[in-house]
Protein backbone atom coordinates (compact mmCIF):
# COMPACT_ATOMS: atom_id res chain seq x y z
CA MET A 1 66.34 92.22 105.36
CA GLY A 2 64.10 94.14 102.99
CA LEU A 3 66.96 95.62 100.98
CA ALA A 4 65.59 94.45 97.60
CA ASP A 5 62.03 94.71 96.27
CA VAL A 6 62.55 92.82 92.99
CA VAL A 7 65.02 90.16 91.86
CA VAL A 8 65.42 89.79 88.09
CA ASP A 9 67.56 87.97 85.57
CA PRO A 10 70.62 90.06 84.57
CA ALA A 11 69.43 90.11 80.95
CA ALA A 12 66.18 91.82 81.99
CA LEU A 13 67.71 94.23 84.51
CA GLU A 14 67.72 97.36 82.33
CA THR A 15 64.16 96.85 81.08
CA VAL A 16 62.75 96.24 84.56
CA ALA A 17 64.72 99.15 86.03
CA VAL A 18 63.36 101.59 83.41
CA GLU A 19 59.79 100.33 83.89
CA THR A 20 60.10 100.63 87.68
CA ALA A 21 61.50 104.18 87.46
CA ARG A 22 58.66 105.21 85.12
CA ALA A 23 56.03 103.70 87.43
CA LEU A 24 57.50 105.48 90.46
CA ALA A 25 57.50 108.79 88.56
CA GLU A 26 53.89 108.34 87.45
CA GLY A 27 52.77 107.39 90.94
CA SER A 28 51.39 104.01 89.89
CA LEU A 29 54.03 102.30 92.04
CA LYS A 30 54.69 103.24 95.63
CA GLY A 31 57.90 102.58 97.49
CA LYS A 32 57.62 99.97 100.22
CA ARG A 33 58.50 101.14 103.69
CA LYS A 34 58.52 98.51 106.40
CA GLY A 35 57.32 99.68 109.78
CA LYS A 36 59.72 99.70 112.73
CA GLY A 37 59.43 97.09 115.42
CA LEU A 38 59.50 98.03 119.12
CA LEU A 39 63.20 97.21 119.56
CA GLN A 40 64.14 99.17 116.43
CA LYS A 41 62.14 102.19 117.66
CA VAL A 42 63.89 102.10 121.05
CA LEU A 43 67.37 101.82 119.50
CA GLU A 44 66.86 104.40 116.75
CA ASP A 45 64.37 106.93 118.12
CA THR A 46 65.59 107.47 121.69
CA SER A 47 68.82 109.06 122.89
CA MET A 48 69.47 106.15 125.27
CA GLY A 49 68.94 103.62 122.48
CA ARG A 50 71.25 105.50 120.14
CA SER A 51 73.91 105.63 122.86
CA ILE A 52 73.81 101.83 123.05
CA VAL A 53 74.14 101.57 119.25
CA TYR A 54 77.04 104.07 119.22
CA GLY A 55 78.85 102.23 121.99
CA GLN A 56 78.58 98.85 120.28
CA THR A 57 79.56 100.34 116.92
CA GLU A 58 82.61 102.06 118.41
CA LYS A 59 83.77 98.73 119.86
CA MET A 60 83.26 97.00 116.51
CA VAL A 61 85.14 99.74 114.64
CA ALA A 62 88.05 99.61 117.08
CA LYS A 63 88.26 95.82 116.76
CA ASN A 64 88.09 95.79 112.95
CA THR A 65 90.44 98.71 112.26
CA GLY A 66 92.90 98.38 115.12
CA GLY A 67 92.74 102.16 115.35
CA HIS A 68 94.61 102.52 112.04
CA TYR A 69 91.79 103.88 109.88
CA PRO A 70 90.28 107.24 110.99
CA ALA A 71 87.36 107.31 108.51
CA PRO A 72 84.94 104.90 110.28
CA THR A 73 85.29 106.83 113.54
CA ALA A 74 84.79 110.15 111.71
CA ILE A 75 81.67 108.77 110.01
CA LEU A 76 80.22 107.68 113.35
CA ASP A 77 81.03 111.08 114.89
CA THR A 78 79.30 112.81 111.97
CA ILE A 79 76.16 110.70 112.41
CA LYS A 80 76.09 111.48 116.14
CA TYR A 81 76.56 115.20 115.44
CA GLY A 82 73.72 115.18 112.91
CA PHE A 83 71.22 113.93 115.48
CA THR A 84 71.85 116.86 117.82
CA HIS A 85 72.36 119.76 115.38
CA SER A 86 70.53 121.46 112.54
CA LYS A 87 70.91 120.24 108.95
CA PRO A 88 73.15 123.19 107.86
CA GLN A 89 75.39 122.65 110.90
CA ALA A 90 75.53 118.91 110.26
CA LEU A 91 76.45 119.40 106.59
CA GLU A 92 79.18 121.86 107.52
CA TYR A 93 80.54 119.44 110.13
CA GLU A 94 80.51 116.61 107.57
CA ALA A 95 82.42 118.74 105.04
CA THR A 96 85.00 119.68 107.68
CA ARG A 97 85.59 116.08 108.73
CA PHE A 98 85.85 114.99 105.08
CA ALA A 99 88.48 117.66 104.41
CA GLU A 100 90.43 116.55 107.48
CA LEU A 101 90.37 112.92 106.35
CA ALA A 102 91.41 113.81 102.78
CA ALA A 103 94.57 115.44 104.15
CA THR A 104 95.70 112.43 106.21
CA SER A 105 98.57 110.11 105.32
CA VAL A 106 96.09 107.21 105.41
CA SER A 107 94.03 108.85 102.66
CA ALA A 108 97.16 109.42 100.56
CA ALA A 109 98.19 105.79 101.10
CA LEU A 110 94.82 104.34 100.09
CA ARG A 111 94.49 106.66 97.11
CA GLY A 112 97.98 105.63 96.06
CA ILE A 113 96.97 101.97 96.12
CA PHE A 114 93.87 102.73 94.04
CA THR A 115 95.69 104.77 91.39
CA GLY A 116 98.52 102.23 91.35
CA THR A 117 96.28 99.24 90.72
CA THR A 118 94.42 101.19 88.03
CA ALA A 119 97.68 102.03 86.24
CA LEU A 120 98.82 98.40 86.38
CA LYS A 121 95.76 97.21 84.43
CA GLN A 122 97.41 98.26 81.16
CA SER A 123 99.75 95.80 79.43
CA LYS A 124 103.03 97.15 78.08
CA TYR A 125 103.30 94.10 75.82
CA GLY A 126 100.07 94.56 73.87
CA LYS A 127 97.73 91.74 72.88
CA PRO A 128 98.97 88.12 72.71
CA ALA A 129 99.66 86.77 69.22
CA ASN A 130 97.57 83.66 69.95
CA PRO A 131 94.45 83.89 72.14
CA VAL A 132 94.56 81.66 75.21
CA GLU A 133 91.58 79.33 75.46
CA THR A 134 92.96 76.17 77.10
CA VAL A 135 95.25 76.34 80.13
CA ALA A 136 97.00 73.23 81.47
CA VAL A 137 98.01 73.18 85.13
CA VAL A 138 100.65 70.64 86.14
CA GLY A 139 100.61 69.75 89.82
CA ALA A 140 97.27 69.42 91.61
CA GLY A 141 98.41 70.42 95.10
CA LEU A 142 97.04 73.48 96.91
CA MET A 143 98.79 75.90 94.56
CA GLY A 144 97.98 74.03 91.36
CA ALA A 145 94.36 73.41 92.33
CA GLY A 146 93.96 77.05 93.34
CA ILE A 147 95.36 78.20 89.98
CA ALA A 148 93.05 75.78 88.18
CA GLN A 149 90.05 77.11 90.12
CA VAL A 150 90.59 80.82 89.37
CA THR A 151 91.31 79.94 85.73
CA ALA A 152 88.18 77.82 85.24
CA GLU A 153 86.02 80.43 86.98
CA LYS A 154 86.94 82.91 84.26
CA GLY A 155 85.85 80.69 81.40
CA TYR A 156 89.07 78.95 80.39
CA ARG A 157 89.14 75.23 79.68
CA VAL A 158 91.53 73.73 82.24
CA LEU A 159 93.60 70.55 82.11
CA LEU A 160 94.62 69.61 85.66
CA LYS A 161 97.40 67.02 85.64
CA ASP A 162 99.14 65.18 88.46
CA LYS A 163 101.20 62.01 88.60
CA ASP A 164 98.37 59.81 89.88
CA LEU A 165 94.61 59.67 90.38
CA ALA A 166 94.87 60.37 94.12
CA GLY A 167 96.64 63.67 93.44
CA VAL A 168 94.16 64.77 90.78
CA SER A 169 91.21 63.79 92.99
CA ARG A 170 92.55 65.90 95.88
CA GLY A 171 92.90 68.86 93.54
CA GLU A 172 89.40 68.44 92.14
CA LYS A 173 87.96 68.11 95.66
CA TYR A 174 89.76 71.31 96.72
CA ILE A 175 88.16 73.17 93.81
CA SER A 176 84.72 71.66 94.45
CA ASP A 177 84.83 72.44 98.18
CA ASN A 178 85.86 76.06 97.53
CA LEU A 179 83.08 76.59 95.01
CA LYS A 180 80.51 74.93 97.27
CA GLY A 181 81.59 77.39 99.94
CA LYS A 182 80.82 80.20 97.52
CA MET A 183 77.38 78.71 96.84
CA LYS A 184 76.69 78.49 100.56
CA LYS A 185 77.49 82.20 100.89
CA LYS A 186 75.27 82.99 97.87
CA ARG A 187 78.28 84.16 95.86
CA MET A 188 77.78 81.51 93.17
CA THR A 189 74.75 79.83 91.62
CA LYS A 190 74.42 76.09 91.15
CA TYR A 191 74.55 76.67 87.39
CA ALA A 192 77.86 78.57 87.70
CA TYR A 193 79.22 75.80 89.94
CA ASP A 194 78.32 73.13 87.39
CA THR A 195 79.75 75.02 84.43
CA THR A 196 82.97 75.89 86.27
CA THR A 197 83.68 72.36 87.48
CA SER A 198 82.84 70.96 84.04
CA ARG A 199 85.64 73.07 82.54
CA VAL A 200 88.26 71.22 84.61
CA VAL A 201 89.55 68.00 83.04
CA GLY A 202 91.59 65.79 85.38
CA LEU A 203 94.55 63.92 83.87
CA THR A 204 97.33 61.66 85.19
CA ASP A 205 100.55 60.20 83.83
CA GLU A 206 98.55 57.04 83.15
CA SER A 207 95.79 58.81 81.19
CA ALA A 208 95.91 57.40 77.67
CA ASN A 209 95.13 60.70 75.99
CA TRP A 210 96.92 63.28 78.15
CA GLY A 211 99.44 64.02 75.41
CA LYS A 212 96.70 64.64 72.86
CA GLN A 213 94.89 66.91 75.34
CA PHE A 214 98.06 68.93 75.96
CA GLY A 215 98.42 69.31 72.20
CA LYS A 216 95.47 71.73 72.44
CA ALA A 217 96.90 73.79 75.33
CA ASP A 218 97.75 77.44 74.71
CA MET A 219 99.47 77.79 78.07
CA VAL A 220 100.91 75.52 80.74
CA ILE A 221 101.28 76.68 84.34
CA GLU A 222 103.66 74.40 86.21
CA ALA A 223 103.10 74.12 89.98
CA VAL A 224 105.27 71.18 91.01
CA PHE A 225 107.70 70.97 93.94
CA GLU A 226 110.54 73.53 94.12
CA ASP A 227 113.19 71.32 92.58
CA LEU A 228 115.01 72.50 89.45
CA SER A 229 115.66 69.02 88.07
CA LEU A 230 111.97 68.13 88.46
CA LYS A 231 110.93 71.30 86.65
CA HIS A 232 113.39 70.49 83.85
CA LYS A 233 111.90 67.01 83.57
CA VAL A 234 108.37 68.43 83.37
CA ILE A 235 109.18 70.97 80.68
CA GLN A 236 111.00 68.40 78.54
CA GLN A 237 108.16 65.90 78.88
CA LEU A 238 105.45 68.42 78.01
CA GLU A 239 107.19 70.03 75.05
CA GLU A 240 106.91 66.71 73.24
CA HIS A 241 103.17 67.39 73.03
CA LEU A 242 102.60 71.15 73.28
CA PRO A 243 101.88 73.23 70.16
CA PRO A 244 104.74 75.58 69.14
CA HIS A 245 102.95 78.72 70.36
CA ALA A 246 102.15 77.37 73.86
CA VAL A 247 103.50 79.44 76.74
CA PHE A 248 105.21 77.52 79.56
CA ALA A 249 104.79 79.40 82.85
CA SER A 250 106.41 78.29 86.09
CA ASN A 251 104.83 79.08 89.45
CA THR A 252 108.20 78.80 91.19
CA SER A 253 108.49 81.05 94.22
CA ALA A 254 112.22 81.66 93.98
CA ILE A 255 114.13 79.75 91.25
CA PRO A 256 115.31 82.09 88.44
CA ILE A 257 113.24 81.56 85.30
CA ALA A 258 116.34 81.61 83.07
CA ARG A 259 117.56 78.45 84.81
CA ILE A 260 114.22 76.72 84.23
CA ALA A 261 114.28 77.80 80.57
CA GLU A 262 117.66 76.10 80.08
CA ALA A 263 115.83 72.79 79.60
CA SER A 264 113.39 74.15 77.03
CA ARG A 265 113.60 73.76 73.26
CA ARG A 266 111.58 76.99 73.00
CA PRO A 267 113.00 79.21 75.80
CA GLU A 268 111.30 82.28 74.32
CA ASN A 269 107.97 80.77 75.45
CA VAL A 270 109.10 80.30 79.07
CA ILE A 271 108.05 82.81 81.73
CA GLY A 272 107.38 82.96 85.47
CA MET A 273 103.87 83.39 86.90
CA HIS A 274 104.25 83.46 90.68
CA TYR A 275 100.92 83.19 92.52
CA PHE A 276 100.48 83.57 96.27
CA SER A 277 98.72 81.13 98.58
CA PRO A 278 95.81 80.67 98.92
CA VAL A 279 95.46 81.48 95.22
CA PRO A 280 91.67 82.17 95.20
CA GLN A 281 92.08 84.79 97.96
CA MET A 282 95.45 86.42 97.26
CA PRO A 283 95.16 89.19 94.64
CA LEU A 284 98.79 89.51 93.50
CA LEU A 285 100.52 87.83 90.56
CA GLU A 286 104.21 88.38 89.84
CA ILE A 287 105.07 87.85 86.16
CA ILE A 288 108.76 87.22 85.55
CA PRO A 289 110.13 87.27 81.99
CA HIS A 290 113.74 86.09 81.63
CA LYS A 291 116.05 87.86 79.17
CA GLY A 292 114.97 85.60 76.31
CA THR A 293 111.21 85.65 76.93
CA SER A 294 109.24 86.91 73.93
CA ASN A 295 106.79 89.80 74.10
CA ALA A 296 104.09 87.39 72.90
CA ALA A 297 104.61 85.13 75.93
CA ALA A 298 104.61 88.11 78.31
CA ALA A 299 101.42 89.46 76.72
CA ALA A 300 99.69 86.08 77.07
CA ALA A 301 100.73 85.75 80.72
CA PHE A 302 99.43 89.24 81.49
CA GLU A 303 96.12 88.60 79.73
CA VAL A 304 95.51 85.37 81.66
CA GLY A 305 96.51 86.91 84.99
CA LYS A 306 94.31 89.94 84.48
CA LYS A 307 91.34 87.79 83.44
CA GLN A 308 91.88 85.65 86.56
CA GLY A 309 91.26 88.84 88.54
CA LYS A 310 94.84 89.28 89.68
CA THR A 311 96.76 92.53 90.10
CA VAL A 312 99.88 91.97 88.01
CA ILE A 313 103.37 93.34 88.53
CA PHE A 314 106.28 92.55 86.22
CA VAL A 315 109.44 91.61 88.10
CA LYS A 316 113.08 91.11 87.12
CA ASP A 317 114.32 87.52 86.97
CA VAL A 318 116.37 87.36 90.17
CA PRO A 319 116.33 84.86 93.07
CA GLY A 320 113.13 85.33 95.07
CA PHE A 321 111.74 87.84 92.55
CA TYR A 322 110.28 90.76 94.55
CA VAL A 323 107.95 89.79 97.41
CA ASN A 324 109.87 86.70 98.55
CA ARG A 325 113.16 88.56 98.12
CA CYS A 326 111.90 91.12 100.64
CA LEU A 327 110.40 88.37 102.79
CA GLY A 328 113.77 86.59 103.13
CA PRO A 329 115.40 89.16 105.47
CA TYR A 330 112.09 89.46 107.35
CA LEU A 331 112.11 85.70 108.03
CA VAL A 332 115.76 85.80 109.06
CA GLU A 333 115.01 88.60 111.53
CA THR A 334 112.11 86.56 112.91
CA GLY A 335 114.60 83.78 113.62
CA ALA A 336 117.04 86.23 115.21
CA LEU A 337 114.32 87.58 117.49
CA MET A 338 113.24 84.06 118.50
CA GLU A 339 116.86 83.24 119.33
CA ALA A 340 117.06 86.48 121.33
CA GLY A 341 114.24 85.18 123.51
CA VAL A 342 111.28 87.14 122.15
CA PRO A 343 108.20 85.00 122.89
CA LEU A 344 106.34 83.60 119.89
CA GLU A 345 103.11 85.25 121.05
CA GLN A 346 104.82 88.65 121.22
CA LEU A 347 106.16 88.33 117.68
CA ASP A 348 102.71 87.62 116.27
CA LYS A 349 100.82 90.14 118.41
CA ALA A 350 103.31 92.95 117.76
CA ILE A 351 103.17 92.58 113.98
CA LYS A 352 99.37 92.28 113.97
CA ALA A 353 99.18 95.43 116.09
CA TYR A 354 101.43 97.14 113.51
CA GLY A 355 98.76 96.41 110.90
CA PHE A 356 99.73 93.16 109.15
CA PRO A 357 96.96 90.55 108.82
CA VAL A 358 99.13 87.89 110.51
CA GLY A 359 102.37 87.82 112.44
CA PRO A 360 105.54 86.08 111.22
CA ILE A 361 104.97 82.90 113.24
CA THR A 362 101.46 82.44 111.86
CA LEU A 363 102.77 83.35 108.39
CA ALA A 364 105.32 80.52 108.52
CA ASP A 365 102.57 78.08 109.50
CA GLU A 366 100.21 79.31 106.78
CA VAL A 367 102.67 79.20 103.86
CA GLY A 368 104.25 76.03 105.27
CA VAL A 369 107.34 75.78 107.46
CA ASP A 370 108.98 73.77 104.67
CA VAL A 371 108.32 76.56 102.15
CA ALA A 372 109.56 79.25 104.55
CA ALA A 373 112.71 77.23 105.30
CA HIS A 374 113.28 76.64 101.57
CA VAL A 375 112.93 80.34 100.69
CA GLN A 376 115.24 81.36 103.52
CA ALA A 377 117.87 78.75 102.64
CA PHE A 378 117.67 79.50 98.91
CA LEU A 379 118.05 83.26 99.37
CA SER A 380 120.87 82.79 101.89
CA LYS A 381 122.86 81.15 99.09
CA ALA A 382 121.78 83.69 96.46
CA ASP A 383 122.96 87.24 95.77
CA LEU A 384 121.70 89.08 98.85
CA GLY A 385 124.92 88.55 100.78
CA VAL A 386 125.05 90.14 104.22
CA ARG A 387 121.42 91.28 103.88
CA MET A 388 120.39 87.72 104.81
CA GLY A 389 122.49 87.91 107.98
CA GLY A 390 121.28 87.73 111.56
CA SER A 391 120.38 84.04 111.87
CA ASP A 392 121.22 80.79 110.12
CA GLY A 393 117.63 79.58 110.51
CA PRO A 394 118.17 76.69 112.95
CA ILE A 395 114.64 76.93 114.36
CA LEU A 396 112.91 76.52 110.99
CA ASP A 397 115.28 73.66 110.18
CA ALA A 398 114.45 71.97 113.50
CA LEU A 399 110.70 72.21 112.88
CA LEU A 400 111.22 70.91 109.35
CA LYS A 401 113.11 67.85 110.63
CA ALA A 402 110.35 67.24 113.19
CA LYS A 403 107.79 67.45 110.35
CA LEU A 404 106.01 70.34 112.06
CA LEU A 405 105.10 71.93 108.74
CA GLY A 406 102.27 74.23 109.78
CA ARG A 407 98.55 74.24 109.10
CA LYS A 408 98.72 71.72 106.23
CA ALA A 409 100.28 69.16 108.59
CA GLY A 410 97.93 69.91 111.49
CA LYS A 411 100.74 71.39 113.57
CA GLY A 412 103.67 73.74 113.23
CA PHE A 413 104.36 76.56 115.66
CA TYR A 414 100.64 76.24 116.48
CA THR A 415 98.27 73.26 116.53
CA TYR A 416 95.29 73.08 114.16
CA PRO A 417 91.99 71.15 114.06
CA ALA A 418 91.92 67.95 112.02
CA GLY A 419 90.48 67.90 108.52
CA GLY A 420 91.54 71.44 107.66
CA LYS A 421 88.76 72.95 109.79
CA LYS A 422 89.13 76.47 111.14
CA GLU A 423 89.94 76.80 114.82
CA LYS A 424 87.36 78.21 117.21
CA GLY A 425 88.92 80.95 119.29
CA PRO A 426 92.62 81.81 119.62
CA LYS A 427 95.18 79.35 118.25
CA THR A 428 97.16 77.26 120.71
CA LEU A 429 100.95 77.12 120.59
CA ASN A 430 102.32 73.67 119.86
CA PRO A 431 104.31 72.38 122.90
CA GLU A 432 106.61 70.40 120.57
CA ALA A 433 107.49 73.58 118.70
CA THR A 434 108.02 75.72 121.79
CA SER A 435 110.29 73.03 123.21
CA LEU A 436 112.37 73.03 120.02
CA VAL A 437 112.55 76.84 120.00
CA GLN A 438 113.86 76.91 123.58
CA LYS A 439 116.91 74.88 122.53
CA TYR A 440 118.11 77.84 120.45
CA VAL A 441 117.16 80.72 122.74
CA LYS A 442 120.27 82.59 123.91
CA GLY A 443 118.74 84.71 126.63
CA GLU A 444 115.68 86.49 127.98
CA SER A 445 114.37 89.28 125.79
CA LYS A 446 113.38 92.68 127.15
CA LEU A 447 112.53 94.13 123.75
CA THR A 448 109.42 96.28 123.49
CA ASP A 449 106.73 95.62 120.89
CA GLU A 450 107.83 98.78 119.06
CA GLU A 451 111.42 97.58 118.67
CA VAL A 452 110.22 94.14 117.55
CA GLN A 453 107.99 95.83 114.97
CA ASN A 454 110.70 98.15 113.68
CA ARG A 455 113.36 95.47 113.46
CA LEU A 456 111.12 93.14 111.47
CA VAL A 457 109.45 95.68 109.19
CA SER A 458 112.66 97.61 108.47
CA ARG A 459 114.33 94.45 107.11
CA PHE A 460 111.45 94.09 104.62
CA VAL A 461 111.36 97.79 103.74
CA ASN A 462 115.12 98.11 103.27
CA GLU A 463 115.16 95.13 100.90
CA ALA A 464 112.30 96.73 98.94
CA VAL A 465 114.53 99.77 98.39
CA PHE A 466 117.37 97.49 97.26
CA ALA A 467 114.89 95.90 94.81
CA LEU A 468 114.06 99.30 93.32
CA GLN A 469 117.73 100.26 93.22
CA ASP A 470 118.65 97.02 91.43
CA GLY A 471 115.79 97.18 88.92
CA VAL A 472 113.92 94.19 90.35
CA ILE A 473 110.81 96.38 90.24
CA ALA A 474 110.26 99.22 87.79
CA SER A 475 108.96 101.84 90.22
CA PRO A 476 107.86 102.48 93.81
CA VAL A 477 104.27 101.92 92.64
CA GLU A 478 104.94 98.25 91.81
CA GLY A 479 106.88 97.93 95.06
CA ASP A 480 104.03 99.23 97.17
CA ILE A 481 101.33 97.25 95.35
CA GLY A 482 103.40 94.06 95.53
CA ALA A 483 103.95 94.40 99.27
CA VAL A 484 100.33 95.26 100.11
CA PHE A 485 98.74 92.59 97.90
CA GLY A 486 101.46 89.94 98.20
CA ILE A 487 102.16 89.81 101.94
CA GLY A 488 99.50 92.07 103.45
CA PHE A 489 101.73 95.08 104.16
CA PRO A 490 99.38 97.46 106.01
CA PRO A 491 97.27 99.28 103.37
CA PHE A 492 96.88 102.34 105.60
CA LEU A 493 100.67 102.79 105.30
CA GLY A 494 100.47 102.46 101.51
CA GLY A 495 103.45 100.14 101.13
CA PRO A 496 107.16 100.33 102.02
CA PHE A 497 107.90 103.37 99.85
CA ARG A 498 104.98 105.45 101.10
CA LEU A 499 105.96 104.47 104.63
CA ILE A 500 109.43 105.93 104.07
CA ASP A 501 107.96 109.08 102.51
CA ALA A 502 105.60 109.56 105.47
CA MET A 503 108.32 108.98 108.06
CA GLY A 504 111.05 110.77 106.10
CA ALA A 505 113.98 109.03 104.41
CA GLY A 506 116.43 110.68 106.81
CA LYS A 507 114.61 109.41 109.89
CA TYR A 508 114.19 105.90 108.43
CA CYS A 509 117.85 105.80 107.46
CA SER A 510 118.89 106.84 110.98
CA MET A 511 116.77 104.06 112.48
CA LEU A 512 118.44 101.46 110.25
CA GLU A 513 121.90 102.82 111.05
CA GLY A 514 121.09 102.56 114.75
CA PHE A 515 120.07 98.92 114.34
CA ALA A 516 123.19 98.25 112.24
CA GLY A 517 125.41 99.57 115.01
CA LYS A 518 123.60 97.48 117.61
CA TYR A 519 122.82 94.23 115.76
CA GLY A 520 124.97 94.02 112.64
CA GLU A 521 125.51 95.23 109.08
CA GLN A 522 122.47 93.31 107.80
CA PHE A 523 120.59 96.50 108.77
CA ALA A 524 122.82 98.84 106.73
CA PRO A 525 120.50 101.09 104.69
CA ALA A 526 120.36 100.69 100.92
CA PRO A 527 122.48 103.27 99.05
CA LEU A 528 119.33 104.59 97.32
CA LEU A 529 117.74 105.21 100.73
CA VAL A 530 120.88 107.04 101.89
CA GLU A 531 120.75 109.14 98.72
CA HIS A 532 117.12 110.08 99.41
CA ALA A 533 117.98 110.87 103.02
CA LYS A 534 120.71 113.30 101.92
CA SER A 535 118.66 114.99 99.19
CA GLY A 536 115.31 114.99 100.97
CA LYS A 537 113.77 113.45 97.86
CA LYS A 538 110.61 111.35 98.15
CA PHE A 539 109.87 108.10 96.33
CA HIS A 540 106.38 109.35 95.41
CA GLN A 541 106.46 112.92 94.15
């Protein structure tokens, strides 16, 4: 492409840069300017050619932004204006457009995300008492292998343990394939690949020395199946070998950490570290101390999460924590809408059009229908009460019984190519799934996309306000960051709390009250939202 003239080793970068700058200043080195080809001249130097470029760019911008981000369009307009006006006029136009963009709600939302993530980089627990050098990961499935990968990439020695060799091998292959993908895209060198994979030590229950290896671990991250008795068994088995200072972190997605810690001889070392799937791509990490967790354990968890490149939020130890707690009512409402006859395609398309990366049907397939069903069932029995009302989840249960578990099984609501390959073109609905769904449909839906969007999103947003009210999250900042980075809440909206501020608490409250009157008390607005509606107070001042 001609973007770089010299490629140097990082260690020599400063020296070469200074020498190059000096040579350019002295005139002994001339900048290289590649001549334009005929096609480039036509496209760049003629009004007709530029019109073609503008047209194609406008289409690309519309496709990539969905019309939600005004800046790319404003940039293109500014470039077009500059070609047909004088430099002073063009600069004035650019300044005007910049000022307009800076005053938009999208700008406020994106700046809020930036300042929020910056603020969250500071630990309130200080430095860990014992530096973490070796991290053991128990469970080599997709979550465990993903955690092992991001940990090894940052220089930690990793012990990856599963019950048998087949499980460990799958985990190691997952890591290797991901890193090879990075090499193919020139995001990783062969040397970095070799050093990263060499840091991962595979172990099984049959490994003669696994206990001795775990005796050197400073932290364990447990990523086994969501079964409390299994987690108790794991913690009891491992504590026979772990050093006294070792932190035991559970990657549970919903089980309260205090209940897991009941089986520990050192409960002060137990903490929750909830990652999101796929771990290498998802930037959020929820850290959940229980009431007895020590500051040293919390500090160690934060240090590891930050070094892994995650944005960390601390969350109260309640069922579902924060993101999944908000996701529960959203999943229930998805079921209610399916039962009301809203087509699966409409559910996905409406939520994507709203600004989410995927719709609720695709989300269930991606996280796993079994996981979605488990979270919904677990939270339905927890402390959310009527807020989990609207549907008993028969459709997810039916797919679970039919073993239509989503992408990992090759089919769920949609069908997927064999071998974990990405599909070419739009996904195809699974006839088995649509047939099962029809058994529970109670009528033909005439709901608009807007009502589908508002019913689904408001269930998530209202639960986020309950979470703030109940102290699950410390502030609206954590709530917004958690939603954007944990589930892909539209960044241009800034998160659930900035959405309410932009719309107005009174207006949002009225919408929920309207839904509550029409569909049930599961939509009743959180008392804190009602309070803000009455006072006119905003969540972000």
